[in-house]
N, C-alpha and C. Protein backbone atom coordinates (compact mmCIF):
# COMPACT_ATOMS: atom_id res chain seq x y z
N MET A 1 0.83 -1.21 0.00
CA MET A 1 0.00 0.00 0.00
C MET A 1 0.86 1.26 0.00
N ILE A 2 2.01 1.19 0.68
CA ILE A 2 2.91 2.36 0.70
C ILE A 2 3.47 2.62 -0.69
N ALA A 3 3.85 1.52 -1.39
CA ALA A 3 4.39 1.68 -2.74
C ALA A 3 3.34 2.28 -3.67
N HIS A 4 2.09 1.86 -3.52
CA HIS A 4 1.01 2.40 -4.34
C HIS A 4 0.85 3.90 -4.10
N ALA A 5 0.92 4.33 -2.84
CA ALA A 5 0.78 5.75 -2.53
C ALA A 5 1.96 6.56 -3.06
N VAL A 6 3.17 6.01 -2.96
CA VAL A 6 4.35 6.70 -3.45
C VAL A 6 4.28 6.92 -4.95
N PHE A 7 3.92 5.86 -5.70
CA PHE A 7 3.82 5.98 -7.15
C PHE A 7 2.67 6.90 -7.55
N PHE A 8 1.59 6.87 -6.78
CA PHE A 8 0.46 7.75 -7.09
C PHE A 8 0.86 9.22 -6.96
N TYR A 9 1.52 9.57 -5.88
CA TYR A 9 1.94 10.96 -5.70
C TYR A 9 3.04 11.33 -6.71
N LEU A 10 3.89 10.38 -7.07
CA LEU A 10 4.93 10.66 -8.05
C LEU A 10 4.33 10.97 -9.42
N PHE A 11 3.40 10.12 -9.89
CA PHE A 11 2.77 10.36 -11.18
C PHE A 11 1.90 11.62 -11.16
N SER A 12 1.26 11.88 -10.02
CA SER A 12 0.45 13.09 -9.91
C SER A 12 1.31 14.34 -9.99
N PHE A 13 2.47 14.30 -9.33
CA PHE A 13 3.39 15.44 -9.38
C PHE A 13 3.89 15.67 -10.81
N ILE A 14 4.24 14.57 -11.50
CA ILE A 14 4.71 14.69 -12.88
C ILE A 14 3.60 15.23 -13.78
N ALA A 15 2.36 14.79 -13.56
CA ALA A 15 1.24 15.25 -14.39
C ALA A 15 0.99 16.74 -14.16
N ILE A 16 1.06 17.20 -12.90
CA ILE A 16 0.81 18.62 -12.62
C ILE A 16 1.92 19.49 -13.20
N VAL A 17 3.16 19.07 -13.02
CA VAL A 17 4.28 19.85 -13.55
C VAL A 17 4.23 19.89 -15.08
N SER A 18 3.89 18.76 -15.71
CA SER A 18 3.80 18.72 -17.17
C SER A 18 2.69 19.63 -17.68
N ALA A 19 1.54 19.62 -16.97
CA ALA A 19 0.44 20.49 -17.39
C ALA A 19 0.83 21.97 -17.29
N ILE A 20 1.59 22.32 -16.26
CA ILE A 20 2.04 23.71 -16.13
C ILE A 20 3.04 24.06 -17.23
N MET A 21 3.95 23.12 -17.53
CA MET A 21 4.96 23.38 -18.55
C MET A 21 4.36 23.49 -19.94
N VAL A 22 3.20 22.88 -20.17
CA VAL A 22 2.55 22.99 -21.48
C VAL A 22 2.22 24.45 -21.78
N THR A 23 1.78 25.18 -20.77
CA THR A 23 1.41 26.58 -20.97
C THR A 23 2.57 27.55 -20.74
N VAL A 24 3.57 27.13 -19.97
CA VAL A 24 4.68 28.02 -19.64
C VAL A 24 5.77 27.98 -20.70
N ALA A 25 6.00 26.79 -21.30
CA ALA A 25 7.10 26.64 -22.26
C ALA A 25 6.90 27.57 -23.45
N ARG A 26 7.96 28.26 -23.83
CA ARG A 26 7.89 29.18 -24.95
C ARG A 26 8.00 28.46 -26.29
N ASN A 27 8.65 27.33 -26.30
CA ASN A 27 8.80 26.57 -27.54
C ASN A 27 7.60 25.64 -27.71
N THR A 28 6.99 25.68 -28.88
CA THR A 28 5.80 24.86 -29.12
C THR A 28 6.12 23.37 -29.14
N VAL A 29 7.29 23.00 -29.62
CA VAL A 29 7.68 21.58 -29.62
C VAL A 29 7.82 21.06 -28.21
N HIS A 30 8.39 21.86 -27.32
CA HIS A 30 8.51 21.47 -25.93
C HIS A 30 7.13 21.34 -25.28
N SER A 31 6.21 22.22 -25.65
CA SER A 31 4.85 22.13 -25.10
C SER A 31 4.19 20.82 -25.49
N VAL A 32 4.37 20.40 -26.72
CA VAL A 32 3.78 19.13 -27.15
C VAL A 32 4.44 17.96 -26.44
N PHE A 33 5.74 18.02 -26.21
CA PHE A 33 6.43 16.97 -25.46
C PHE A 33 5.86 16.85 -24.04
N PHE A 34 5.68 17.97 -23.39
CA PHE A 34 5.12 17.94 -22.03
C PHE A 34 3.65 17.51 -22.04
N LEU A 35 2.93 17.83 -23.11
CA LEU A 35 1.55 17.37 -23.22
C LEU A 35 1.49 15.85 -23.33
N ILE A 36 2.38 15.26 -24.11
CA ILE A 36 2.44 13.80 -24.21
C ILE A 36 2.79 13.19 -22.86
N LEU A 37 3.74 13.78 -22.15
CA LEU A 37 4.11 13.29 -20.82
C LEU A 37 2.95 13.40 -19.86
N ASP A 38 2.17 14.45 -19.96
CA ASP A 38 1.00 14.62 -19.10
C ASP A 38 -0.04 13.55 -19.37
N PHE A 39 -0.31 13.28 -20.64
CA PHE A 39 -1.27 12.24 -21.00
C PHE A 39 -0.83 10.87 -20.48
N ILE A 40 0.44 10.55 -20.63
CA ILE A 40 0.93 9.24 -20.20
C ILE A 40 0.89 9.13 -18.68
N SER A 41 1.20 10.20 -17.98
CA SER A 41 1.13 10.17 -16.52
C SER A 41 -0.29 9.93 -16.03
N ILE A 42 -1.25 10.59 -16.67
CA ILE A 42 -2.65 10.39 -16.29
C ILE A 42 -3.10 8.97 -16.64
N SER A 43 -2.63 8.44 -17.77
CA SER A 43 -2.96 7.06 -18.13
C SER A 43 -2.41 6.09 -17.10
N CYS A 44 -1.20 6.34 -16.62
CA CYS A 44 -0.63 5.47 -15.58
C CYS A 44 -1.46 5.54 -14.29
N LEU A 45 -1.97 6.71 -13.96
CA LEU A 45 -2.83 6.83 -12.78
C LEU A 45 -4.12 6.04 -12.95
N PHE A 46 -4.71 6.08 -14.14
CA PHE A 46 -5.91 5.30 -14.39
C PHE A 46 -5.63 3.80 -14.27
N ILE A 47 -4.51 3.36 -14.81
CA ILE A 47 -4.17 1.93 -14.74
C ILE A 47 -3.92 1.51 -13.31
N MET A 48 -3.31 2.35 -12.51
CA MET A 48 -3.02 2.00 -11.12
C MET A 48 -4.28 1.83 -10.28
N ILE A 49 -5.33 2.58 -10.58
CA ILE A 49 -6.57 2.47 -9.80
C ILE A 49 -7.51 1.40 -10.35
N GLY A 50 -7.08 0.68 -11.40
CA GLY A 50 -7.88 -0.41 -11.93
C GLY A 50 -8.71 -0.07 -13.14
N ALA A 51 -8.69 1.17 -13.59
CA ALA A 51 -9.44 1.57 -14.79
C ALA A 51 -8.53 1.44 -16.00
N GLU A 52 -8.21 0.18 -16.36
CA GLU A 52 -7.26 -0.03 -17.45
C GLU A 52 -7.83 0.37 -18.79
N PHE A 53 -9.17 0.33 -18.93
CA PHE A 53 -9.78 0.71 -20.20
C PHE A 53 -9.55 2.20 -20.47
N LEU A 54 -9.81 3.05 -19.47
CA LEU A 54 -9.60 4.48 -19.65
C LEU A 54 -8.13 4.79 -19.87
N GLY A 55 -7.25 4.09 -19.15
CA GLY A 55 -5.82 4.33 -19.34
C GLY A 55 -5.34 3.97 -20.74
N MET A 56 -5.77 2.82 -21.24
CA MET A 56 -5.35 2.40 -22.58
C MET A 56 -5.99 3.25 -23.67
N ILE A 57 -7.24 3.67 -23.45
CA ILE A 57 -7.89 4.55 -24.43
C ILE A 57 -7.15 5.89 -24.51
N MET A 58 -6.73 6.40 -23.35
CA MET A 58 -5.99 7.67 -23.36
C MET A 58 -4.63 7.50 -24.04
N LEU A 59 -3.98 6.36 -23.83
CA LEU A 59 -2.71 6.11 -24.50
C LEU A 59 -2.88 6.00 -26.01
N ILE A 60 -3.92 5.28 -26.43
CA ILE A 60 -4.11 5.03 -27.86
C ILE A 60 -4.62 6.28 -28.58
N VAL A 61 -5.64 6.92 -28.00
CA VAL A 61 -6.30 8.03 -28.69
C VAL A 61 -5.51 9.33 -28.54
N TYR A 62 -5.25 9.72 -27.29
CA TYR A 62 -4.63 11.02 -27.06
C TYR A 62 -3.14 11.01 -27.35
N VAL A 63 -2.43 10.02 -26.81
CA VAL A 63 -0.97 9.98 -27.04
C VAL A 63 -0.66 9.48 -28.44
N GLY A 64 -1.30 8.40 -28.86
CA GLY A 64 -0.97 7.80 -30.15
C GLY A 64 -1.50 8.54 -31.35
N ALA A 65 -2.51 9.38 -31.17
CA ALA A 65 -3.11 10.05 -32.33
C ALA A 65 -3.08 11.57 -32.18
N VAL A 66 -3.74 12.08 -31.15
CA VAL A 66 -3.92 13.53 -31.04
C VAL A 66 -2.59 14.24 -30.78
N ALA A 67 -1.86 13.80 -29.75
CA ALA A 67 -0.61 14.48 -29.39
C ALA A 67 0.44 14.33 -30.49
N VAL A 68 0.51 13.15 -31.09
CA VAL A 68 1.47 12.95 -32.18
C VAL A 68 1.10 13.82 -33.38
N LEU A 69 -0.19 13.98 -33.64
CA LEU A 69 -0.63 14.87 -34.72
C LEU A 69 -0.24 16.31 -34.42
N PHE A 70 -0.42 16.73 -33.16
CA PHE A 70 0.02 18.08 -32.78
C PHE A 70 1.51 18.25 -33.01
N LEU A 71 2.28 17.23 -32.65
CA LEU A 71 3.74 17.32 -32.81
C LEU A 71 4.12 17.42 -34.28
N PHE A 72 3.47 16.64 -35.14
CA PHE A 72 3.75 16.70 -36.57
C PHE A 72 3.40 18.08 -37.14
N VAL A 73 2.25 18.61 -36.73
CA VAL A 73 1.82 19.91 -37.25
C VAL A 73 2.78 21.00 -36.82
N VAL A 74 3.18 20.98 -35.54
CA VAL A 74 4.09 22.01 -35.04
C VAL A 74 5.44 21.92 -35.74
N MET A 75 5.95 20.70 -35.90
CA MET A 75 7.26 20.54 -36.54
C MET A 75 7.20 20.90 -38.02
N MET A 76 6.07 20.61 -38.68
CA MET A 76 5.94 20.98 -40.08
C MET A 76 5.83 22.49 -40.25
N LEU A 77 5.23 23.17 -39.28
CA LEU A 77 5.14 24.63 -39.36
C LEU A 77 6.49 25.29 -39.14
N ASN A 78 7.35 24.65 -38.35
CA ASN A 78 8.66 25.22 -38.06
C ASN A 78 9.76 24.65 -38.94
N VAL A 79 9.39 23.85 -39.93
CA VAL A 79 10.43 23.18 -40.71
C VAL A 79 11.24 24.18 -41.54
N ALA A 80 10.63 25.29 -41.95
CA ALA A 80 11.38 26.27 -42.73
C ALA A 80 12.41 27.00 -41.88
N GLN A 81 12.17 27.12 -40.57
CA GLN A 81 13.09 27.82 -39.70
C GLN A 81 14.14 26.88 -39.11
N GLN A 82 13.71 25.63 -38.84
CA GLN A 82 14.62 24.71 -38.18
C GLN A 82 15.68 24.17 -39.13
N LYS A 83 15.23 23.76 -40.33
CA LYS A 83 16.10 23.16 -41.34
C LYS A 83 16.88 22.00 -40.70
N ASN A 84 18.21 22.10 -40.71
CA ASN A 84 19.04 21.05 -40.13
C ASN A 84 19.84 21.57 -38.94
N GLN A 85 19.25 22.42 -38.14
CA GLN A 85 19.98 23.02 -37.03
C GLN A 85 20.07 22.11 -35.82
N TRP A 86 19.28 21.02 -35.79
CA TRP A 86 19.28 20.16 -34.61
C TRP A 86 20.65 19.53 -34.39
N PHE A 87 21.27 19.08 -35.47
CA PHE A 87 22.53 18.37 -35.35
C PHE A 87 23.73 19.22 -35.80
N SER A 88 23.51 20.49 -36.05
CA SER A 88 24.61 21.34 -36.48
C SER A 88 25.34 21.89 -35.26
N ALA A 89 26.60 22.18 -35.41
CA ALA A 89 27.42 22.65 -34.29
C ALA A 89 27.34 24.15 -34.13
N SER A 90 26.95 24.87 -35.19
CA SER A 90 26.93 26.32 -35.11
C SER A 90 25.80 26.83 -34.23
N LYS A 91 24.61 26.26 -34.39
CA LYS A 91 23.46 26.67 -33.60
C LYS A 91 22.92 25.45 -32.88
N SER A 92 23.01 25.47 -31.58
CA SER A 92 22.54 24.34 -30.79
C SER A 92 21.05 24.48 -30.53
N SER A 93 20.35 23.36 -30.51
CA SER A 93 18.92 23.34 -30.26
C SER A 93 18.64 22.51 -29.03
N SER A 94 17.62 22.91 -28.29
CA SER A 94 17.27 22.20 -27.05
C SER A 94 16.15 21.20 -27.26
N HIS A 95 15.78 20.92 -28.52
CA HIS A 95 14.72 19.95 -28.75
C HIS A 95 15.14 18.56 -28.32
N ILE A 96 16.34 18.16 -28.68
CA ILE A 96 16.80 16.80 -28.41
C ILE A 96 16.94 16.55 -26.91
N PRO A 97 17.58 17.42 -26.11
CA PRO A 97 17.65 17.14 -24.67
C PRO A 97 16.28 17.07 -24.00
N ILE A 98 15.38 17.99 -24.37
CA ILE A 98 14.04 17.96 -23.78
C ILE A 98 13.31 16.69 -24.18
N GLY A 99 13.44 16.30 -25.45
CA GLY A 99 12.79 15.07 -25.90
C GLY A 99 13.34 13.83 -25.21
N LEU A 100 14.66 13.79 -25.01
CA LEU A 100 15.26 12.65 -24.31
C LEU A 100 14.83 12.61 -22.85
N LEU A 101 14.75 13.77 -22.21
CA LEU A 101 14.31 13.81 -20.81
C LEU A 101 12.88 13.32 -20.65
N VAL A 102 11.99 13.80 -21.54
CA VAL A 102 10.59 13.36 -21.48
C VAL A 102 10.48 11.87 -21.79
N SER A 103 11.28 11.37 -22.74
CA SER A 103 11.25 9.96 -23.08
C SER A 103 11.72 9.09 -21.92
N LEU A 104 12.74 9.53 -21.21
CA LEU A 104 13.22 8.75 -20.05
C LEU A 104 12.18 8.70 -18.95
N ILE A 105 11.49 9.82 -18.69
CA ILE A 105 10.45 9.83 -17.67
C ILE A 105 9.28 8.93 -18.07
N ILE A 106 8.90 8.98 -19.36
CA ILE A 106 7.83 8.11 -19.84
C ILE A 106 8.21 6.64 -19.72
N PHE A 107 9.44 6.31 -20.08
CA PHE A 107 9.91 4.93 -19.96
C PHE A 107 9.92 4.48 -18.50
N PHE A 108 10.33 5.36 -17.61
CA PHE A 108 10.34 5.05 -16.18
C PHE A 108 8.93 4.79 -15.66
N GLU A 109 7.97 5.61 -16.08
CA GLU A 109 6.58 5.42 -15.65
C GLU A 109 6.00 4.11 -16.17
N LEU A 110 6.26 3.81 -17.44
CA LEU A 110 5.72 2.58 -18.01
C LEU A 110 6.32 1.35 -17.35
N ILE A 111 7.60 1.38 -17.01
CA ILE A 111 8.22 0.25 -16.32
C ILE A 111 7.58 0.04 -14.95
N ILE A 112 7.32 1.13 -14.24
CA ILE A 112 6.70 1.01 -12.91
C ILE A 112 5.30 0.45 -13.02
N VAL A 113 4.52 0.95 -13.99
CA VAL A 113 3.14 0.49 -14.12
C VAL A 113 3.08 -0.97 -14.56
N ILE A 114 3.91 -1.34 -15.54
CA ILE A 114 3.90 -2.74 -16.01
C ILE A 114 4.38 -3.67 -14.91
N GLY A 115 5.40 -3.24 -14.15
CA GLY A 115 5.87 -4.08 -13.05
C GLY A 115 4.88 -4.16 -11.91
N GLY A 116 4.18 -3.05 -11.63
CA GLY A 116 3.22 -3.07 -10.54
C GLY A 116 1.89 -3.70 -10.90
N TRP A 117 1.61 -3.84 -12.21
CA TRP A 117 0.34 -4.45 -12.62
C TRP A 117 0.26 -5.91 -12.19
N LYS A 118 1.40 -6.58 -12.13
CA LYS A 118 1.43 -7.98 -11.72
C LYS A 118 1.05 -8.13 -10.25
N TYR A 119 1.37 -7.15 -9.44
CA TYR A 119 1.08 -7.19 -8.01
C TYR A 119 -0.07 -6.26 -7.66
N LYS A 120 -0.97 -6.08 -8.60
CA LYS A 120 -2.10 -5.19 -8.39
C LYS A 120 -2.98 -5.59 -7.21
N PRO A 121 -3.37 -6.87 -7.00
CA PRO A 121 -4.20 -7.20 -5.84
C PRO A 121 -3.54 -6.88 -4.51
N ASP A 122 -2.19 -6.95 -4.44
CA ASP A 122 -1.51 -6.63 -3.19
C ASP A 122 -1.40 -5.13 -2.96
N LEU A 123 -1.33 -4.36 -4.05
CA LEU A 123 -1.20 -2.92 -3.91
C LEU A 123 -2.53 -2.23 -3.67
N LEU A 124 -3.61 -2.78 -4.21
CA LEU A 124 -4.92 -2.13 -4.14
C LEU A 124 -5.89 -3.07 -3.45
N ASN A 125 -6.22 -2.75 -2.21
CA ASN A 125 -7.19 -3.53 -1.43
C ASN A 125 -8.24 -2.57 -0.89
N SER A 126 -9.48 -2.93 -1.05
CA SER A 126 -10.57 -2.12 -0.54
C SER A 126 -11.68 -3.03 -0.06
N SER A 127 -12.17 -2.78 1.13
CA SER A 127 -13.24 -3.61 1.68
C SER A 127 -14.61 -3.15 1.23
N THR A 128 -14.70 -1.94 0.69
CA THR A 128 -16.00 -1.41 0.28
C THR A 128 -16.30 -1.65 -1.19
N ILE A 129 -15.28 -1.94 -1.99
CA ILE A 129 -15.47 -2.16 -3.42
C ILE A 129 -15.36 -3.64 -3.73
N VAL A 130 -16.38 -4.17 -4.40
CA VAL A 130 -16.37 -5.58 -4.79
C VAL A 130 -15.77 -5.69 -6.17
N ILE A 131 -14.64 -6.37 -6.28
CA ILE A 131 -13.93 -6.53 -7.53
C ILE A 131 -14.02 -7.98 -7.96
N SER A 132 -14.60 -8.22 -9.14
CA SER A 132 -14.71 -9.57 -9.66
C SER A 132 -13.42 -9.95 -10.37
N LYS A 133 -12.86 -11.08 -10.01
CA LYS A 133 -11.60 -11.53 -10.61
C LYS A 133 -11.82 -12.15 -11.99
N THR A 134 -13.05 -12.55 -12.29
CA THR A 134 -13.33 -13.19 -13.58
C THR A 134 -13.72 -12.18 -14.66
N THR A 135 -14.27 -11.02 -14.25
CA THR A 135 -14.72 -10.01 -15.20
C THR A 135 -13.79 -8.81 -15.12
N THR A 136 -13.25 -8.43 -16.25
CA THR A 136 -12.35 -7.28 -16.30
C THR A 136 -13.14 -5.98 -16.36
N ASN A 137 -12.44 -4.90 -16.16
CA ASN A 137 -13.06 -3.58 -16.21
C ASN A 137 -13.58 -3.27 -17.61
N THR A 138 -12.82 -3.65 -18.62
CA THR A 138 -13.25 -3.43 -20.01
C THR A 138 -14.49 -4.24 -20.35
N HIS A 139 -14.54 -5.49 -19.87
CA HIS A 139 -15.71 -6.34 -20.12
C HIS A 139 -16.94 -5.76 -19.46
N SER A 140 -16.82 -5.29 -18.23
CA SER A 140 -17.97 -4.72 -17.52
C SER A 140 -18.46 -3.44 -18.20
N LEU A 141 -17.51 -2.62 -18.63
CA LEU A 141 -17.89 -1.39 -19.32
C LEU A 141 -18.59 -1.68 -20.65
N GLY A 142 -18.10 -2.69 -21.36
CA GLY A 142 -18.75 -3.08 -22.62
C GLY A 142 -20.15 -3.62 -22.41
N ASN A 143 -20.35 -4.40 -21.33
CA ASN A 143 -21.69 -4.92 -21.04
C ASN A 143 -22.68 -3.79 -20.76
N VAL A 144 -22.25 -2.78 -20.04
CA VAL A 144 -23.14 -1.66 -19.73
C VAL A 144 -23.37 -0.78 -20.95
N LEU A 145 -22.31 -0.54 -21.71
CA LEU A 145 -22.41 0.37 -22.85
C LEU A 145 -23.28 -0.19 -23.96
N TYR A 146 -23.17 -1.48 -24.24
CA TYR A 146 -23.89 -2.09 -25.36
C TYR A 146 -25.20 -2.74 -24.96
N THR A 147 -25.63 -2.55 -23.73
CA THR A 147 -26.94 -3.07 -23.30
C THR A 147 -27.83 -1.95 -22.78
N ASP A 148 -27.43 -1.33 -21.68
CA ASP A 148 -28.28 -0.29 -21.07
C ASP A 148 -28.22 1.03 -21.84
N TYR A 149 -27.08 1.33 -22.44
CA TYR A 149 -26.91 2.62 -23.10
C TYR A 149 -26.65 2.45 -24.60
N ILE A 150 -27.21 1.40 -25.21
CA ILE A 150 -26.98 1.17 -26.63
C ILE A 150 -27.61 2.26 -27.48
N HIS A 151 -28.78 2.79 -27.05
CA HIS A 151 -29.43 3.84 -27.84
C HIS A 151 -28.62 5.13 -27.80
N LEU A 152 -28.09 5.48 -26.63
CA LEU A 152 -27.25 6.68 -26.54
C LEU A 152 -25.95 6.50 -27.33
N PHE A 153 -25.43 5.27 -27.34
CA PHE A 153 -24.21 5.00 -28.09
C PHE A 153 -24.45 5.16 -29.59
N GLN A 154 -25.56 4.63 -30.07
CA GLN A 154 -25.90 4.78 -31.49
C GLN A 154 -26.22 6.23 -31.83
N LEU A 155 -26.86 6.94 -30.91
CA LEU A 155 -27.17 8.36 -31.14
C LEU A 155 -25.90 9.19 -31.23
N SER A 156 -24.93 8.91 -30.37
CA SER A 156 -23.65 9.64 -30.44
C SER A 156 -22.93 9.35 -31.75
N GLY A 157 -23.04 8.11 -32.24
CA GLY A 157 -22.44 7.79 -33.54
C GLY A 157 -23.10 8.55 -34.67
N MET A 158 -24.43 8.70 -34.63
CA MET A 158 -25.13 9.47 -35.65
C MET A 158 -24.76 10.95 -35.59
N ILE A 159 -24.60 11.48 -34.37
CA ILE A 159 -24.21 12.89 -34.23
C ILE A 159 -22.82 13.12 -34.81
N LEU A 160 -21.89 12.19 -34.55
CA LEU A 160 -20.55 12.32 -35.12
C LEU A 160 -20.57 12.21 -36.64
N LEU A 161 -21.44 11.34 -37.17
CA LEU A 161 -21.56 11.21 -38.62
C LEU A 161 -22.09 12.49 -39.24
N VAL A 162 -23.13 13.09 -38.63
CA VAL A 162 -23.67 14.34 -39.14
C VAL A 162 -22.64 15.46 -39.05
N ALA A 163 -21.87 15.48 -37.96
CA ALA A 163 -20.82 16.50 -37.82
C ALA A 163 -19.74 16.33 -38.88
N MET A 164 -19.38 15.09 -39.20
CA MET A 164 -18.37 14.85 -40.23
C MET A 164 -18.88 15.30 -41.59
N ILE A 165 -20.14 14.97 -41.92
CA ILE A 165 -20.71 15.39 -43.20
C ILE A 165 -20.83 16.91 -43.26
N GLY A 166 -21.23 17.54 -42.15
CA GLY A 166 -21.32 19.00 -42.12
C GLY A 166 -19.98 19.67 -42.32
N ALA A 167 -18.91 19.10 -41.72
CA ALA A 167 -17.57 19.67 -41.91
C ALA A 167 -17.13 19.55 -43.36
N ILE A 168 -17.46 18.44 -44.00
CA ILE A 168 -17.10 18.27 -45.41
C ILE A 168 -17.86 19.26 -46.29
N VAL A 169 -19.14 19.44 -45.99
CA VAL A 169 -19.95 20.36 -46.80
C VAL A 169 -19.47 21.80 -46.62
N LEU A 170 -19.12 22.18 -45.39
CA LEU A 170 -18.71 23.56 -45.13
C LEU A 170 -17.35 23.88 -45.76
N THR A 171 -16.48 22.90 -45.79
CA THR A 171 -15.15 23.14 -46.35
C THR A 171 -15.06 22.88 -47.85
N PHE A 172 -16.11 22.34 -48.43
CA PHE A 172 -16.08 22.05 -49.87
C PHE A 172 -16.31 23.33 -50.65
N ARG A 173 -15.43 23.58 -51.57
CA ARG A 173 -15.54 24.76 -52.43
C ARG A 173 -15.40 24.31 -53.89
N GLU A 174 -16.31 24.76 -54.72
CA GLU A 174 -16.26 24.41 -56.13
C GLU A 174 -15.28 25.33 -56.83
N ARG A 175 -14.28 24.77 -57.45
CA ARG A 175 -13.27 25.56 -58.13
C ARG A 175 -13.60 25.67 -59.62
N VAL A 176 -13.34 26.83 -60.15
CA VAL A 176 -13.64 27.11 -61.55
C VAL A 176 -12.36 26.94 -62.36
N GLY A 177 -12.50 26.34 -63.56
CA GLY A 177 -11.38 26.19 -64.45
C GLY A 177 -10.61 24.90 -64.30
N LEU A 178 -11.12 23.96 -63.51
CA LEU A 178 -10.44 22.68 -63.33
C LEU A 178 -11.09 21.62 -64.22
N LYS A 179 -10.27 20.77 -64.78
CA LYS A 179 -10.78 19.67 -65.59
C LYS A 179 -11.11 18.49 -64.68
N ARG A 180 -12.33 18.05 -64.74
CA ARG A 180 -12.79 16.97 -63.89
C ARG A 180 -13.13 15.74 -64.73
N GLN A 181 -13.00 14.59 -64.13
CA GLN A 181 -13.30 13.33 -64.78
C GLN A 181 -14.73 12.91 -64.51
N SER A 182 -15.35 12.35 -65.51
CA SER A 182 -16.68 11.78 -65.37
C SER A 182 -16.56 10.26 -65.47
N TYR A 183 -16.61 9.59 -64.32
CA TYR A 183 -16.41 8.15 -64.31
C TYR A 183 -17.52 7.41 -65.04
N ILE A 184 -18.74 7.91 -64.93
CA ILE A 184 -19.86 7.26 -65.63
C ILE A 184 -19.67 7.36 -67.13
N LYS A 185 -19.21 8.52 -67.59
CA LYS A 185 -18.99 8.70 -69.02
C LYS A 185 -17.84 7.84 -69.52
N GLN A 186 -16.80 7.67 -68.72
CA GLN A 186 -15.68 6.84 -69.13
C GLN A 186 -16.06 5.36 -69.17
N ILE A 187 -16.85 4.92 -68.20
CA ILE A 187 -17.23 3.50 -68.17
C ILE A 187 -18.20 3.16 -69.30
N SER A 188 -19.14 4.09 -69.58
CA SER A 188 -20.14 3.84 -70.62
C SER A 188 -19.66 4.21 -72.02
N ARG A 189 -18.39 4.49 -72.18
CA ARG A 189 -17.86 4.88 -73.48
C ARG A 189 -17.80 3.66 -74.41
N GLU A 190 -18.23 3.83 -75.64
CA GLU A 190 -18.21 2.76 -76.63
C GLU A 190 -17.17 3.04 -77.70
N LYS A 191 -17.01 2.05 -78.60
CA LYS A 191 -15.98 2.17 -79.63
C LYS A 191 -16.27 3.30 -80.60
N LYS A 192 -17.52 3.48 -80.93
CA LYS A 192 -17.86 4.52 -81.89
C LYS A 192 -17.63 5.92 -81.32
N ASP A 193 -17.64 6.03 -79.99
CA ASP A 193 -17.39 7.33 -79.37
C ASP A 193 -15.91 7.63 -79.21
N GLY A 194 -15.08 6.60 -79.18
CA GLY A 194 -13.67 6.82 -78.95
C GLY A 194 -12.78 6.66 -80.17
N VAL A 195 -13.29 6.00 -81.19
CA VAL A 195 -12.48 5.76 -82.40
C VAL A 195 -13.19 6.39 -83.59
N GLN A 196 -12.45 7.11 -84.39
CA GLN A 196 -13.01 7.78 -85.57
C GLN A 196 -12.08 7.52 -86.75
N LEU A 197 -12.64 6.98 -87.82
CA LEU A 197 -11.87 6.70 -89.03
C LEU A 197 -12.02 7.89 -89.98
N VAL A 198 -10.91 8.42 -90.40
CA VAL A 198 -10.89 9.61 -91.24
C VAL A 198 -10.05 9.31 -92.48
N GLU A 199 -10.62 9.63 -93.62
CA GLU A 199 -9.87 9.48 -94.87
C GLU A 199 -9.07 10.75 -95.12
N VAL A 200 -7.78 10.61 -95.15
CA VAL A 200 -6.88 11.76 -95.29
C VAL A 200 -6.29 11.74 -96.69
N GLU A 201 -6.41 12.87 -97.34
CA GLU A 201 -5.81 12.99 -98.66
C GLU A 201 -4.30 13.11 -98.55
N SER A 202 -3.64 12.85 -99.63
CA SER A 202 -2.19 12.89 -99.64
C SER A 202 -1.68 14.30 -99.39
N LYS A 203 -0.73 14.41 -98.49
CA LYS A 203 -0.10 15.67 -98.12
C LYS A 203 -1.09 16.67 -97.55
N GLN A 204 -2.07 16.15 -96.86
CA GLN A 204 -3.07 17.00 -96.21
C GLN A 204 -3.12 16.63 -94.73
N GLY A 205 -3.40 17.61 -93.92
CA GLY A 205 -3.50 17.37 -92.51
C GLY A 205 -4.90 16.94 -92.10
N VAL A 206 -5.03 16.62 -90.83
CA VAL A 206 -6.30 16.19 -90.27
C VAL A 206 -6.79 17.26 -89.28
N LYS A 207 -8.01 17.72 -89.45
CA LYS A 207 -8.59 18.67 -88.56
C LYS A 207 -9.41 17.94 -87.51
N ILE A 208 -9.02 18.10 -86.25
CA ILE A 208 -9.70 17.42 -85.14
C ILE A 208 -10.51 18.46 -84.37
N ASP A 209 -11.78 18.14 -84.17
CA ASP A 209 -12.63 19.03 -83.40
C ASP A 209 -12.34 18.81 -81.92
N ALA A 210 -11.95 19.87 -81.24
CA ALA A 210 -11.63 19.77 -79.81
C ALA A 210 -12.95 19.72 -79.03
């Protein structure tokens, strides 16, 4: 129980400091690094309390997709200024040390969580909470989500679909002067429409109607 409390306060401290550094850091790349560290720290906290579904969803969705997308966008916006200065001796950059520091902290957190997951029943004991050893947290959440709240789940899917279609419609702009393909016309094209036999007189050219 003492080890569980120590790791909880350690990850909480890292998450709070990372959240502050996201807004304090002047470099946008450093802010994204600290944002990834914050997400992973919170995921480790979720896994430690037994909510492995929320922890893994945060790792997959926020760290694996959203934060990495932010990092790519920020680095692509700064690519004209950065060029090859990271490894050049004339101008030193602090991206690599900050990235290595955040990577080491993330690796340390993951090692602690993976190692402590094996001893989870010894670290987390509660007399007021009934924990089934045969049913996982993800299984229980799936049973509730797809039975009692199936209509709300389907409704949220329809709302996201309408939002996606609305975003496509709002951003779609018809451009003038572009040559477009007609797939129906290409598929239904026959030989008489594509081949034309022309009798050409000697030393005379062929006039083609555009």
